[in-house]
């Protein structure tokens, strides 16, 4: 199991980065990205700490920790500069908080995030067909979420996105150790979306590919 969207007490999560990663390792995770919420107010504080602890954990544990951020509720014009800033300062996975059905995210955030070339558009809610087509063109992954507050749009997402060739990943948006679902649970969630076995295999494969690329840039195996 791989999770590329998680939060620690560096933003609104419950655990220290080390504890969240340790809990993931005990649950059998291969890799985890720490992607705490960030905007222009805190990215210079949060990201260096994520980068620092990721280096330490990768030296000591088998599970691979990937430094990242989730750009969250940022003004539309700030999304692209923040994506660039995050990459420049060590983020190997850049997530943007999409237009979830459960929060008042600014309309147009999905489009701006995709145009900015983020890695993952998180819980994109009622994303439009044209935005999905752009995501395919830009190589942006779209997220199926296990988080209950964001998950009502999952079924619509897969129904529209898969025929268009979009790359999907499944993430927990974990804020605590209990949010880290097992592979069995993730598989069950995907099966309930009436996906074909080949589509489910591709979703898990996409997570491995994206994580692998990020880990390679860290210079570790």
N, C-alpha and C. Protein backbone atom coordinates (compact mmCIF):
# COMPACT_ATOMS: atom_id res chain seq x y z
N UNK A 1 0.85 -1.20 0.00
CA UNK A 1 0.00 0.00 0.00
C UNK A 1 0.88 1.24 0.00
N UNK A 2 0.45 2.23 -0.73
CA UNK A 2 1.16 3.51 -0.82
C UNK A 2 0.16 4.63 -0.61
N UNK A 3 0.53 5.62 0.17
CA UNK A 3 -0.33 6.79 0.38
C UNK A 3 0.47 8.04 0.03
N UNK A 4 -0.01 8.80 -0.92
CA UNK A 4 0.71 10.00 -1.38
C UNK A 4 0.02 11.28 -0.96
N UNK A 5 -0.81 11.21 0.09
CA UNK A 5 -1.53 12.40 0.56
C UNK A 5 -1.83 12.22 2.04
N UNK A 6 -0.97 12.81 2.90
CA UNK A 6 -1.15 12.68 4.35
C UNK A 6 -0.80 13.99 5.05
N UNK A 7 -1.26 14.06 6.31
CA UNK A 7 -1.04 15.28 7.10
C UNK A 7 -0.56 14.94 8.51
N UNK A 8 0.29 15.78 9.04
CA UNK A 8 0.82 15.62 10.39
C UNK A 8 0.46 16.86 11.20
N UNK A 9 0.98 16.94 12.43
CA UNK A 9 0.69 18.12 13.24
C UNK A 9 1.41 19.37 12.75
N UNK A 10 2.18 19.23 11.67
CA UNK A 10 2.73 20.43 11.04
C UNK A 10 1.63 21.23 10.34
N UNK A 11 0.47 20.58 10.11
CA UNK A 11 -0.70 21.33 9.65
C UNK A 11 -1.88 20.92 10.53
N UNK A 12 -2.85 20.16 10.00
CA UNK A 12 -4.02 19.82 10.81
C UNK A 12 -4.11 18.34 11.17
N UNK A 13 -2.99 17.61 11.05
CA UNK A 13 -2.97 16.22 11.46
C UNK A 13 -2.75 16.08 12.95
N UNK A 14 -2.82 14.83 13.43
CA UNK A 14 -2.72 14.57 14.86
C UNK A 14 -1.34 14.14 15.32
N UNK A 15 -0.51 13.64 14.40
CA UNK A 15 0.73 12.98 14.80
C UNK A 15 1.97 13.69 14.28
N UNK A 16 3.07 13.49 14.99
CA UNK A 16 4.36 13.88 14.46
C UNK A 16 4.63 13.11 13.16
N UNK A 17 5.41 13.65 12.25
CA UNK A 17 5.74 12.92 11.04
C UNK A 17 6.30 11.52 11.31
N UNK A 18 7.20 11.43 12.26
CA UNK A 18 7.80 10.13 12.58
C UNK A 18 6.76 9.11 13.01
N UNK A 19 5.80 9.53 13.82
CA UNK A 19 4.79 8.58 14.29
C UNK A 19 3.85 8.18 13.17
N UNK A 20 3.45 9.11 12.33
CA UNK A 20 2.57 8.77 11.22
C UNK A 20 3.25 7.75 10.29
N UNK A 21 4.53 8.00 9.98
CA UNK A 21 5.25 7.10 9.10
C UNK A 21 5.44 5.74 9.76
N UNK A 22 5.74 5.73 11.04
CA UNK A 22 5.91 4.47 11.76
C UNK A 22 4.62 3.66 11.76
N UNK A 23 3.50 4.32 11.97
CA UNK A 23 2.22 3.62 11.95
C UNK A 23 1.93 3.05 10.56
N UNK A 24 2.32 3.79 9.54
CA UNK A 24 2.15 3.29 8.16
C UNK A 24 3.03 2.07 7.93
N UNK A 25 4.25 2.11 8.43
CA UNK A 25 5.17 0.98 8.26
C UNK A 25 4.62 -0.27 8.93
N UNK A 26 4.09 -0.11 10.13
CA UNK A 26 3.53 -1.25 10.85
C UNK A 26 2.35 -1.85 10.10
N UNK A 27 1.61 -1.01 9.38
CA UNK A 27 0.46 -1.49 8.61
C UNK A 27 0.86 -2.06 7.25
N UNK A 28 2.17 -2.10 6.99
CA UNK A 28 2.65 -2.73 5.78
C UNK A 28 2.80 -1.81 4.58
N UNK A 29 2.80 -0.52 4.80
CA UNK A 29 2.95 0.43 3.69
C UNK A 29 4.38 0.39 3.15
N UNK A 30 4.49 0.52 1.84
CA UNK A 30 5.79 0.59 1.19
C UNK A 30 6.34 2.01 1.17
N UNK A 31 5.45 2.97 0.99
CA UNK A 31 5.87 4.37 0.89
C UNK A 31 4.73 5.28 1.32
N UNK A 32 5.11 6.46 1.79
CA UNK A 32 4.13 7.44 2.22
C UNK A 32 4.68 8.84 1.94
N UNK A 33 3.85 9.70 1.45
CA UNK A 33 4.24 11.09 1.24
C UNK A 33 3.63 11.95 2.33
N UNK A 34 4.44 12.80 2.92
CA UNK A 34 3.94 13.76 3.90
C UNK A 34 3.62 15.05 3.13
N UNK A 35 2.36 15.40 3.09
CA UNK A 35 1.93 16.52 2.25
C UNK A 35 1.06 17.48 3.08
N UNK A 36 1.67 18.08 4.07
CA UNK A 36 0.89 18.97 4.93
C UNK A 36 0.36 20.18 4.16
N UNK A 37 -0.76 20.69 4.66
CA UNK A 37 -1.39 21.84 4.03
C UNK A 37 -0.45 23.04 4.02
N UNK A 38 -0.44 23.74 2.89
CA UNK A 38 0.45 24.90 2.79
C UNK A 38 -0.16 25.94 1.86
N UNK A 39 0.13 27.19 2.18
CA UNK A 39 -0.13 28.31 1.28
C UNK A 39 1.02 29.29 1.46
N UNK A 40 0.86 30.51 1.03
CA UNK A 40 1.97 31.46 1.12
C UNK A 40 2.32 31.83 2.56
N UNK A 41 1.44 31.52 3.50
CA UNK A 41 1.69 31.89 4.90
C UNK A 41 2.64 30.95 5.62
N UNK A 42 2.70 29.68 5.17
CA UNK A 42 3.45 28.71 5.98
C UNK A 42 4.35 27.77 5.20
N UNK A 43 4.37 27.86 3.87
CA UNK A 43 5.14 26.89 3.10
C UNK A 43 6.63 26.95 3.45
N UNK A 44 7.12 28.14 3.79
CA UNK A 44 8.53 28.28 4.13
C UNK A 44 8.85 27.70 5.51
N UNK A 45 7.83 27.47 6.31
CA UNK A 45 8.00 26.84 7.62
C UNK A 45 7.81 25.33 7.54
N UNK A 46 6.75 24.91 6.86
CA UNK A 46 6.37 23.50 6.83
C UNK A 46 7.30 22.65 5.98
N UNK A 47 7.56 23.08 4.75
CA UNK A 47 8.28 22.23 3.81
C UNK A 47 9.70 21.88 4.26
N UNK A 48 10.50 22.81 4.75
CA UNK A 48 11.85 22.42 5.19
C UNK A 48 11.84 21.37 6.29
N UNK A 49 10.85 21.40 7.15
CA UNK A 49 10.76 20.42 8.22
C UNK A 49 10.37 19.05 7.69
N UNK A 50 9.50 19.02 6.69
CA UNK A 50 9.13 17.76 6.06
C UNK A 50 10.32 17.16 5.33
N UNK A 51 11.05 18.00 4.62
CA UNK A 51 12.25 17.54 3.91
C UNK A 51 13.27 16.98 4.89
N UNK A 52 13.47 17.68 6.00
CA UNK A 52 14.45 17.26 7.00
C UNK A 52 14.10 15.90 7.61
N UNK A 53 12.85 15.75 8.07
CA UNK A 53 12.48 14.50 8.72
C UNK A 53 12.43 13.35 7.71
N UNK A 54 12.09 13.63 6.47
CA UNK A 54 12.08 12.58 5.46
C UNK A 54 13.46 12.00 5.26
N UNK A 55 14.46 12.85 5.22
CA UNK A 55 15.84 12.38 5.08
C UNK A 55 16.23 11.47 6.23
N UNK A 56 15.87 11.87 7.44
CA UNK A 56 16.21 11.09 8.63
C UNK A 56 15.52 9.73 8.61
N UNK A 57 14.24 9.73 8.31
CA UNK A 57 13.48 8.47 8.31
C UNK A 57 13.94 7.53 7.21
N UNK A 58 14.29 8.07 6.07
CA UNK A 58 14.77 7.22 4.97
C UNK A 58 16.12 6.59 5.26
N UNK A 59 16.88 7.19 6.14
CA UNK A 59 18.17 6.61 6.54
C UNK A 59 17.99 5.48 7.54
N UNK A 60 16.86 5.47 8.23
CA UNK A 60 16.70 4.56 9.35
C UNK A 60 15.64 3.47 9.16
N UNK A 61 14.68 3.69 8.29
CA UNK A 61 13.59 2.75 8.16
C UNK A 61 13.44 2.25 6.73
N UNK A 62 12.82 1.09 6.59
CA UNK A 62 12.61 0.51 5.27
C UNK A 62 11.54 1.25 4.47
N UNK A 63 10.46 1.66 5.13
CA UNK A 63 9.42 2.40 4.45
C UNK A 63 10.01 3.69 3.88
N UNK A 64 9.57 4.07 2.70
CA UNK A 64 10.09 5.27 2.05
C UNK A 64 9.17 6.46 2.32
N UNK A 65 9.79 7.54 2.81
CA UNK A 65 9.07 8.76 3.13
C UNK A 65 9.37 9.81 2.07
N UNK A 66 8.33 10.33 1.47
CA UNK A 66 8.48 11.29 0.38
C UNK A 66 8.04 12.67 0.85
N UNK A 67 8.91 13.66 0.76
CA UNK A 67 8.53 15.01 1.19
C UNK A 67 7.62 15.69 0.17
N UNK A 68 6.59 16.35 0.65
CA UNK A 68 5.68 17.05 -0.25
C UNK A 68 4.87 18.09 0.49
N UNK A 69 3.89 18.65 -0.19
CA UNK A 69 2.94 19.59 0.40
C UNK A 69 1.60 19.43 -0.31
N UNK A 70 0.56 19.90 0.34
CA UNK A 70 -0.74 20.05 -0.32
C UNK A 70 -1.09 21.53 -0.30
N UNK A 71 -1.04 22.15 -1.46
CA UNK A 71 -1.41 23.56 -1.58
C UNK A 71 -2.92 23.66 -1.41
N UNK A 72 -3.34 24.45 -0.42
CA UNK A 72 -4.71 24.37 0.06
C UNK A 72 -5.38 25.74 0.12
N UNK A 73 -6.54 25.85 -0.54
CA UNK A 73 -7.37 27.07 -0.49
C UNK A 73 -6.59 28.33 -0.86
N UNK A 74 -5.63 28.19 -1.72
CA UNK A 74 -4.83 29.36 -2.14
C UNK A 74 -5.59 30.15 -3.21
N UNK A 75 -5.38 31.47 -3.27
CA UNK A 75 -5.94 32.25 -4.37
C UNK A 75 -5.48 31.65 -5.71
N UNK A 76 -6.34 31.71 -6.69
CA UNK A 76 -6.04 31.06 -7.97
C UNK A 76 -4.71 31.49 -8.55
N UNK A 77 -4.40 32.77 -8.50
CA UNK A 77 -3.16 33.28 -9.09
C UNK A 77 -1.92 32.82 -8.33
N UNK A 78 -2.12 32.32 -7.11
CA UNK A 78 -0.98 31.90 -6.30
C UNK A 78 -0.65 30.42 -6.47
N UNK A 79 -1.54 29.66 -7.08
CA UNK A 79 -1.33 28.21 -7.16
C UNK A 79 -0.09 27.86 -7.96
N UNK A 80 0.06 28.40 -9.14
CA UNK A 80 1.22 28.08 -9.98
C UNK A 80 2.53 28.50 -9.31
N UNK A 81 2.65 29.73 -8.79
CA UNK A 81 3.89 30.10 -8.09
C UNK A 81 4.19 29.20 -6.89
N UNK A 82 3.14 28.77 -6.18
CA UNK A 82 3.36 27.90 -5.03
C UNK A 82 3.82 26.51 -5.45
N UNK A 83 3.29 26.00 -6.55
CA UNK A 83 3.75 24.71 -7.07
C UNK A 83 5.24 24.79 -7.41
N UNK A 84 5.63 25.85 -8.09
CA UNK A 84 7.03 26.04 -8.47
C UNK A 84 7.91 26.19 -7.23
N UNK A 85 7.44 26.96 -6.26
CA UNK A 85 8.21 27.17 -5.03
C UNK A 85 8.39 25.86 -4.27
N UNK A 86 7.33 25.08 -4.22
CA UNK A 86 7.41 23.79 -3.51
C UNK A 86 8.44 22.88 -4.16
N UNK A 87 8.42 22.78 -5.47
CA UNK A 87 9.39 21.92 -6.17
C UNK A 87 10.82 22.43 -5.95
N UNK A 88 11.00 23.74 -6.01
CA UNK A 88 12.33 24.33 -5.84
C UNK A 88 12.90 24.03 -4.46
N UNK A 89 12.01 23.88 -3.48
CA UNK A 89 12.46 23.72 -2.10
C UNK A 89 12.31 22.30 -1.56
N UNK A 90 12.25 21.32 -2.47
CA UNK A 90 12.38 19.93 -2.04
C UNK A 90 11.15 19.08 -2.03
N UNK A 91 10.00 19.62 -2.42
CA UNK A 91 8.80 18.79 -2.48
C UNK A 91 8.89 17.85 -3.66
N UNK A 92 8.78 16.55 -3.41
CA UNK A 92 8.84 15.56 -4.49
C UNK A 92 7.45 15.12 -4.93
N UNK A 93 6.46 15.40 -4.11
CA UNK A 93 5.06 15.21 -4.47
C UNK A 93 4.32 16.50 -4.14
N UNK A 94 3.76 17.13 -5.16
CA UNK A 94 2.99 18.35 -4.95
C UNK A 94 1.52 18.04 -5.22
N UNK A 95 0.75 18.13 -4.16
CA UNK A 95 -0.69 17.92 -4.22
C UNK A 95 -1.37 19.28 -4.16
N UNK A 96 -2.47 19.42 -4.87
CA UNK A 96 -3.30 20.62 -4.71
C UNK A 96 -4.67 20.18 -4.23
N UNK A 97 -5.18 20.86 -3.23
CA UNK A 97 -6.48 20.60 -2.63
C UNK A 97 -7.57 20.97 -3.63
N UNK A 98 -8.21 19.94 -4.21
CA UNK A 98 -9.19 20.16 -5.25
C UNK A 98 -10.54 20.64 -4.74
N UNK A 99 -11.46 20.80 -5.68
CA UNK A 99 -12.78 21.37 -5.39
C UNK A 99 -13.72 20.31 -4.81
N UNK A 100 -13.37 19.82 -3.64
CA UNK A 100 -14.17 18.83 -2.95
C UNK A 100 -15.59 19.33 -2.72
N UNK A 101 -16.52 18.38 -2.65
CA UNK A 101 -17.92 18.74 -2.43
C UNK A 101 -18.18 19.16 -0.99
N UNK A 102 -17.22 18.96 -0.09
CA UNK A 102 -17.46 19.21 1.34
C UNK A 102 -16.84 20.50 1.87
N UNK A 103 -16.16 21.26 1.02
CA UNK A 103 -15.54 22.51 1.47
C UNK A 103 -15.74 23.60 0.42
N UNK A 104 -15.69 24.87 0.85
CA UNK A 104 -15.90 25.99 -0.09
C UNK A 104 -14.64 26.37 -0.86
N UNK A 105 -14.11 25.41 -1.61
CA UNK A 105 -12.91 25.67 -2.40
C UNK A 105 -13.25 26.61 -3.56
N UNK A 106 -12.35 27.52 -3.85
CA UNK A 106 -12.58 28.51 -4.91
C UNK A 106 -12.81 27.82 -6.25
N UNK A 107 -13.89 28.20 -6.91
CA UNK A 107 -14.17 27.67 -8.23
C UNK A 107 -13.04 28.03 -9.19
N UNK A 108 -12.56 27.06 -9.94
CA UNK A 108 -11.43 27.26 -10.83
C UNK A 108 -10.13 26.71 -10.28
N UNK A 109 -10.16 26.27 -9.01
CA UNK A 109 -8.96 25.69 -8.40
C UNK A 109 -8.50 24.45 -9.16
N UNK A 110 -9.43 23.58 -9.52
CA UNK A 110 -9.05 22.37 -10.26
C UNK A 110 -8.28 22.72 -11.52
N UNK A 111 -8.81 23.67 -12.27
CA UNK A 111 -8.18 24.07 -13.53
C UNK A 111 -6.80 24.65 -13.31
N UNK A 112 -6.69 25.55 -12.35
CA UNK A 112 -5.39 26.20 -12.09
C UNK A 112 -4.35 25.19 -11.60
N UNK A 113 -4.78 24.24 -10.80
CA UNK A 113 -3.87 23.21 -10.29
C UNK A 113 -3.33 22.35 -11.43
N UNK A 114 -4.21 21.99 -12.34
CA UNK A 114 -3.80 21.17 -13.47
C UNK A 114 -2.88 21.97 -14.39
N UNK A 115 -3.24 23.21 -14.66
CA UNK A 115 -2.40 24.06 -15.51
C UNK A 115 -1.02 24.26 -14.90
N UNK A 116 -0.96 24.27 -13.56
CA UNK A 116 0.32 24.45 -12.86
C UNK A 116 1.17 23.19 -12.88
N UNK A 117 0.58 22.06 -13.27
CA UNK A 117 1.33 20.83 -13.36
C UNK A 117 1.62 20.18 -12.04
N UNK A 118 0.67 20.24 -11.11
CA UNK A 118 0.86 19.53 -9.85
C UNK A 118 0.92 18.03 -10.13
N UNK A 119 1.36 17.26 -9.15
CA UNK A 119 1.42 15.81 -9.34
C UNK A 119 0.05 15.17 -9.16
N UNK A 120 -0.66 15.58 -8.11
CA UNK A 120 -1.96 14.99 -7.79
C UNK A 120 -2.96 16.10 -7.51
N UNK A 121 -4.11 16.02 -8.15
CA UNK A 121 -5.23 16.88 -7.79
C UNK A 121 -6.09 16.09 -6.82
N UNK A 122 -6.08 16.51 -5.57
CA UNK A 122 -6.77 15.77 -4.52
C UNK A 122 -8.28 15.98 -4.60
N UNK A 123 -9.00 14.91 -4.26
CA UNK A 123 -10.47 14.95 -4.18
C UNK A 123 -11.07 16.08 -5.04
N UNK A 124 -11.04 15.90 -6.36
CA UNK A 124 -11.42 16.99 -7.27
C UNK A 124 -12.92 17.25 -7.39
N UNK A 125 -13.73 16.56 -6.57
CA UNK A 125 -15.15 16.84 -6.54
C UNK A 125 -15.82 16.65 -7.89
N UNK A 126 -16.67 17.60 -8.26
CA UNK A 126 -17.43 17.52 -9.52
C UNK A 126 -16.61 18.11 -10.66
N UNK A 127 -15.45 17.54 -10.86
CA UNK A 127 -14.52 18.02 -11.89
C UNK A 127 -15.16 17.91 -13.28
N UNK A 128 -14.87 18.88 -14.12
CA UNK A 128 -15.47 18.91 -15.45
C UNK A 128 -14.71 18.00 -16.42
N UNK A 129 -15.39 17.63 -17.49
CA UNK A 129 -14.77 16.80 -18.51
C UNK A 129 -13.57 17.50 -19.13
N UNK A 130 -13.68 18.81 -19.38
CA UNK A 130 -12.58 19.55 -20.01
C UNK A 130 -11.36 19.60 -19.09
N UNK A 131 -11.59 19.68 -17.78
CA UNK A 131 -10.47 19.69 -16.84
C UNK A 131 -9.81 18.31 -16.78
N UNK A 132 -10.60 17.26 -16.88
CA UNK A 132 -10.03 15.91 -16.92
C UNK A 132 -9.19 15.73 -18.17
N UNK A 133 -9.68 16.20 -19.28
CA UNK A 133 -8.93 16.11 -20.54
C UNK A 133 -7.60 16.86 -20.44
N UNK A 134 -7.61 18.00 -19.76
CA UNK A 134 -6.36 18.74 -19.57
C UNK A 134 -5.42 17.98 -18.64
N UNK A 135 -5.98 17.35 -17.61
CA UNK A 135 -5.16 16.56 -16.69
C UNK A 135 -4.46 15.42 -17.43
N UNK A 136 -5.17 14.80 -18.36
CA UNK A 136 -4.57 13.73 -19.18
C UNK A 136 -3.41 14.30 -19.98
N UNK A 137 -3.62 15.45 -20.58
CA UNK A 137 -2.59 16.08 -21.40
C UNK A 137 -1.37 16.49 -20.57
N UNK A 138 -1.61 16.97 -19.37
CA UNK A 138 -0.53 17.48 -18.51
C UNK A 138 0.11 16.40 -17.64
N UNK A 139 -0.46 15.21 -17.63
CA UNK A 139 0.09 14.13 -16.81
C UNK A 139 -0.20 14.29 -15.33
N UNK A 140 -1.28 14.96 -15.00
CA UNK A 140 -1.68 15.16 -13.60
C UNK A 140 -2.57 13.99 -13.16
N UNK A 141 -2.25 13.40 -12.03
CA UNK A 141 -3.03 12.30 -11.50
C UNK A 141 -4.23 12.84 -10.72
N UNK A 142 -5.36 12.16 -10.84
CA UNK A 142 -6.57 12.53 -10.13
C UNK A 142 -6.82 11.53 -9.01
N UNK A 143 -7.29 12.04 -7.88
CA UNK A 143 -7.35 11.23 -6.67
C UNK A 143 -8.73 10.67 -6.36
N UNK A 144 -8.76 9.37 -6.15
CA UNK A 144 -9.88 8.71 -5.48
C UNK A 144 -9.53 8.72 -4.00
N UNK A 145 -10.44 9.18 -3.17
CA UNK A 145 -10.11 9.33 -1.75
C UNK A 145 -10.87 8.36 -0.87
N UNK A 146 -10.19 7.89 0.17
CA UNK A 146 -10.85 7.03 1.16
C UNK A 146 -11.47 7.86 2.28
N UNK A 147 -11.25 9.16 2.27
CA UNK A 147 -11.77 10.04 3.33
C UNK A 147 -13.26 10.28 3.11
N UNK A 148 -14.06 9.97 4.13
CA UNK A 148 -15.51 9.98 3.99
C UNK A 148 -16.06 11.34 3.56
N UNK A 149 -15.52 12.42 4.08
CA UNK A 149 -16.08 13.74 3.77
C UNK A 149 -15.90 14.12 2.31
N UNK A 150 -14.89 13.55 1.66
CA UNK A 150 -14.62 13.88 0.26
C UNK A 150 -15.07 12.80 -0.72
N UNK A 151 -15.38 11.62 -0.22
CA UNK A 151 -15.58 10.46 -1.09
C UNK A 151 -16.89 10.40 -1.89
N UNK A 152 -17.92 11.17 -1.57
CA UNK A 152 -19.15 11.06 -2.35
C UNK A 152 -18.99 11.28 -3.85
N UNK A 153 -17.95 11.99 -4.25
CA UNK A 153 -17.74 12.26 -5.68
C UNK A 153 -16.88 11.20 -6.37
N UNK A 154 -16.42 10.19 -5.64
CA UNK A 154 -15.54 9.17 -6.22
C UNK A 154 -16.17 8.47 -7.42
N UNK A 155 -17.41 8.05 -7.26
CA UNK A 155 -18.06 7.27 -8.31
C UNK A 155 -18.18 8.08 -9.60
N UNK A 156 -18.57 9.33 -9.48
CA UNK A 156 -18.67 10.18 -10.66
C UNK A 156 -17.31 10.37 -11.32
N UNK A 157 -16.29 10.55 -10.48
CA UNK A 157 -14.94 10.76 -11.01
C UNK A 157 -14.50 9.59 -11.88
N UNK A 158 -14.60 8.38 -11.36
CA UNK A 158 -14.11 7.23 -12.12
C UNK A 158 -14.95 7.00 -13.38
N UNK A 159 -16.25 7.27 -13.29
CA UNK A 159 -17.13 7.07 -14.43
C UNK A 159 -16.75 7.96 -15.60
N UNK A 160 -16.37 9.21 -15.29
CA UNK A 160 -16.02 10.16 -16.35
C UNK A 160 -14.55 10.08 -16.74
N UNK A 161 -13.68 9.91 -15.73
CA UNK A 161 -12.24 10.02 -15.96
C UNK A 161 -11.63 8.84 -16.70
N UNK A 162 -12.05 7.63 -16.36
CA UNK A 162 -11.43 6.45 -16.97
C UNK A 162 -11.62 6.38 -18.48
N UNK A 163 -12.81 6.64 -19.02
CA UNK A 163 -12.96 6.60 -20.48
C UNK A 163 -12.12 7.66 -21.20
N UNK A 164 -11.73 8.71 -20.47
CA UNK A 164 -10.92 9.77 -21.07
C UNK A 164 -9.42 9.49 -20.94
N UNK A 165 -9.08 8.38 -20.29
CA UNK A 165 -7.67 8.01 -20.15
C UNK A 165 -6.95 8.67 -19.00
N UNK A 166 -7.69 9.18 -18.04
CA UNK A 166 -7.06 9.84 -16.89
C UNK A 166 -6.35 8.83 -16.00
N UNK A 167 -5.27 9.27 -15.38
CA UNK A 167 -4.54 8.44 -14.43
C UNK A 167 -5.08 8.71 -13.03
N UNK A 168 -5.53 7.65 -12.36
CA UNK A 168 -6.11 7.78 -11.04
C UNK A 168 -5.23 7.12 -9.99
N UNK A 169 -5.23 7.69 -8.80
CA UNK A 169 -4.56 7.08 -7.64
C UNK A 169 -5.57 7.04 -6.50
N UNK A 170 -5.33 6.19 -5.53
CA UNK A 170 -6.16 6.16 -4.33
C UNK A 170 -5.31 6.57 -3.15
N UNK A 171 -5.79 7.57 -2.41
CA UNK A 171 -5.08 8.10 -1.23
C UNK A 171 -6.03 8.19 -0.06
N UNK A 172 -5.45 8.29 1.13
CA UNK A 172 -6.25 8.35 2.36
C UNK A 172 -6.56 9.76 2.83
N UNK A 173 -5.73 10.73 2.41
CA UNK A 173 -5.85 12.06 3.01
C UNK A 173 -5.79 11.90 4.52
N UNK A 174 -4.84 11.10 4.97
CA UNK A 174 -4.75 10.71 6.37
C UNK A 174 -4.38 11.88 7.27
N UNK A 175 -5.11 12.01 8.37
CA UNK A 175 -4.81 13.00 9.40
C UNK A 175 -4.45 12.32 10.73
N UNK A 176 -4.57 11.00 10.76
CA UNK A 176 -4.24 10.23 11.95
C UNK A 176 -3.84 8.82 11.53
N UNK A 177 -3.33 8.06 12.47
CA UNK A 177 -2.95 6.69 12.17
C UNK A 177 -4.15 5.85 11.75
N UNK A 178 -5.30 6.13 12.33
CA UNK A 178 -6.50 5.36 12.01
C UNK A 178 -6.98 5.60 10.58
N UNK A 179 -6.56 6.69 9.98
CA UNK A 179 -6.97 6.99 8.59
C UNK A 179 -6.19 6.17 7.56
N UNK A 180 -5.13 5.52 7.98
CA UNK A 180 -4.31 4.74 7.06
C UNK A 180 -4.97 3.38 6.83
N UNK A 181 -5.70 3.27 5.75
CA UNK A 181 -6.44 2.03 5.50
C UNK A 181 -5.50 0.94 4.98
N UNK A 182 -5.89 -0.28 5.17
CA UNK A 182 -5.13 -1.41 4.66
C UNK A 182 -5.35 -1.56 3.16
N UNK A 183 -4.48 -2.35 2.53
CA UNK A 183 -4.68 -2.64 1.11
C UNK A 183 -6.04 -3.30 0.89
N UNK A 184 -6.42 -4.19 1.79
CA UNK A 184 -7.69 -4.90 1.68
C UNK A 184 -8.86 -3.91 1.70
N UNK A 185 -8.78 -2.92 2.57
CA UNK A 185 -9.85 -1.93 2.66
C UNK A 185 -9.88 -1.05 1.42
N UNK A 186 -8.70 -0.64 0.96
CA UNK A 186 -8.63 0.17 -0.26
C UNK A 186 -9.21 -0.59 -1.44
N UNK A 187 -8.88 -1.87 -1.52
CA UNK A 187 -9.39 -2.71 -2.60
C UNK A 187 -10.91 -2.80 -2.53
N UNK A 188 -11.44 -2.94 -1.33
CA UNK A 188 -12.88 -3.02 -1.15
C UNK A 188 -13.57 -1.72 -1.58
N UNK A 189 -12.96 -0.59 -1.26
CA UNK A 189 -13.50 0.71 -1.66
C UNK A 189 -13.56 0.83 -3.18
N UNK A 190 -12.51 0.40 -3.83
CA UNK A 190 -12.46 0.47 -5.29
C UNK A 190 -13.47 -0.48 -5.93
N UNK A 191 -13.63 -1.66 -5.36
CA UNK A 191 -14.58 -2.61 -5.90
C UNK A 191 -16.01 -2.09 -5.81
N UNK A 192 -16.30 -1.32 -4.76
CA UNK A 192 -17.63 -0.76 -4.59
C UNK A 192 -17.95 0.32 -5.62
N UNK A 193 -16.92 0.79 -6.34
CA UNK A 193 -17.12 1.76 -7.40
C UNK A 193 -17.38 1.07 -8.74
N UNK A 194 -17.54 -0.25 -8.68
CA UNK A 194 -17.85 -1.06 -9.87
C UNK A 194 -16.77 -0.97 -10.94
N UNK A 195 -15.53 -0.92 -10.49
CA UNK A 195 -14.41 -0.86 -11.42
C UNK A 195 -14.01 -2.25 -11.88
N UNK A 196 -13.51 -2.34 -13.08
CA UNK A 196 -12.98 -3.61 -13.58
C UNK A 196 -11.68 -3.93 -12.84
N UNK A 197 -11.35 -5.20 -12.79
CA UNK A 197 -10.13 -5.63 -12.11
C UNK A 197 -8.90 -4.96 -12.71
N UNK A 198 -8.90 -4.81 -14.03
CA UNK A 198 -7.76 -4.18 -14.70
C UNK A 198 -7.63 -2.71 -14.32
N UNK A 199 -8.77 -2.04 -14.14
CA UNK A 199 -8.74 -0.63 -13.73
C UNK A 199 -8.21 -0.50 -12.31
N UNK A 200 -8.61 -1.41 -11.44
CA UNK A 200 -8.13 -1.39 -10.06
C UNK A 200 -6.62 -1.63 -10.03
N UNK A 201 -6.16 -2.58 -10.81
CA UNK A 201 -4.71 -2.84 -10.88
C UNK A 201 -3.97 -1.60 -11.35
N UNK A 202 -4.53 -0.89 -12.32
CA UNK A 202 -3.88 0.31 -12.84
C UNK A 202 -3.81 1.42 -11.78
N UNK A 203 -4.84 1.52 -10.97
CA UNK A 203 -4.86 2.56 -9.93
C UNK A 203 -3.75 2.33 -8.93
N UNK A 204 -3.60 1.09 -8.47
CA UNK A 204 -2.51 0.79 -7.53
C UNK A 204 -1.15 0.94 -8.23
N UNK A 205 -1.09 0.56 -9.49
CA UNK A 205 0.16 0.69 -10.25
C UNK A 205 0.54 2.15 -10.40
N UNK A 206 -0.44 3.02 -10.63
CA UNK A 206 -0.16 4.45 -10.77
C UNK A 206 0.49 5.02 -9.52
N UNK A 207 0.01 4.58 -8.36
CA UNK A 207 0.60 5.04 -7.11
C UNK A 207 2.05 4.59 -6.99
N UNK A 208 2.32 3.34 -7.39
CA UNK A 208 3.69 2.83 -7.33
C UNK A 208 4.60 3.59 -8.29
N UNK A 209 4.09 3.89 -9.48
CA UNK A 209 4.90 4.61 -10.46
C UNK A 209 5.23 6.00 -9.97
N UNK A 210 4.22 6.71 -9.48
CA UNK A 210 4.42 8.08 -9.01
C UNK A 210 5.35 8.11 -7.81
N UNK A 211 5.16 7.17 -6.89
CA UNK A 211 6.04 7.10 -5.72
C UNK A 211 7.46 6.74 -6.13
N UNK A 212 7.58 5.81 -7.07
CA UNK A 212 8.90 5.39 -7.53
C UNK A 212 9.69 6.53 -8.15
N UNK A 213 9.02 7.34 -8.95
CA UNK A 213 9.69 8.48 -9.57
C UNK A 213 10.17 9.47 -8.50
N UNK A 214 9.32 9.70 -7.51
CA UNK A 214 9.68 10.63 -6.44
C UNK A 214 10.86 10.10 -5.62
N UNK A 215 10.81 8.81 -5.30
CA UNK A 215 11.88 8.21 -4.48
C UNK A 215 13.20 8.23 -5.24
N UNK A 216 13.14 8.01 -6.54
CA UNK A 216 14.36 8.02 -7.35
C UNK A 216 15.06 9.37 -7.28
N UNK A 217 14.28 10.46 -7.24
CA UNK A 217 14.90 11.78 -7.17
C UNK A 217 15.55 12.05 -5.81
N UNK A 218 15.21 11.23 -4.82
CA UNK A 218 15.81 11.39 -3.51
C UNK A 218 17.16 10.69 -3.41
N UNK A 219 17.47 9.93 -4.43
CA UNK A 219 18.76 9.24 -4.44
C UNK A 219 18.82 8.03 -3.55
N UNK A 220 17.64 7.42 -3.27
CA UNK A 220 17.61 6.21 -2.45
C UNK A 220 16.91 5.11 -3.23
N UNK A 221 17.07 3.87 -2.80
CA UNK A 221 16.45 2.74 -3.47
C UNK A 221 15.04 2.51 -2.94
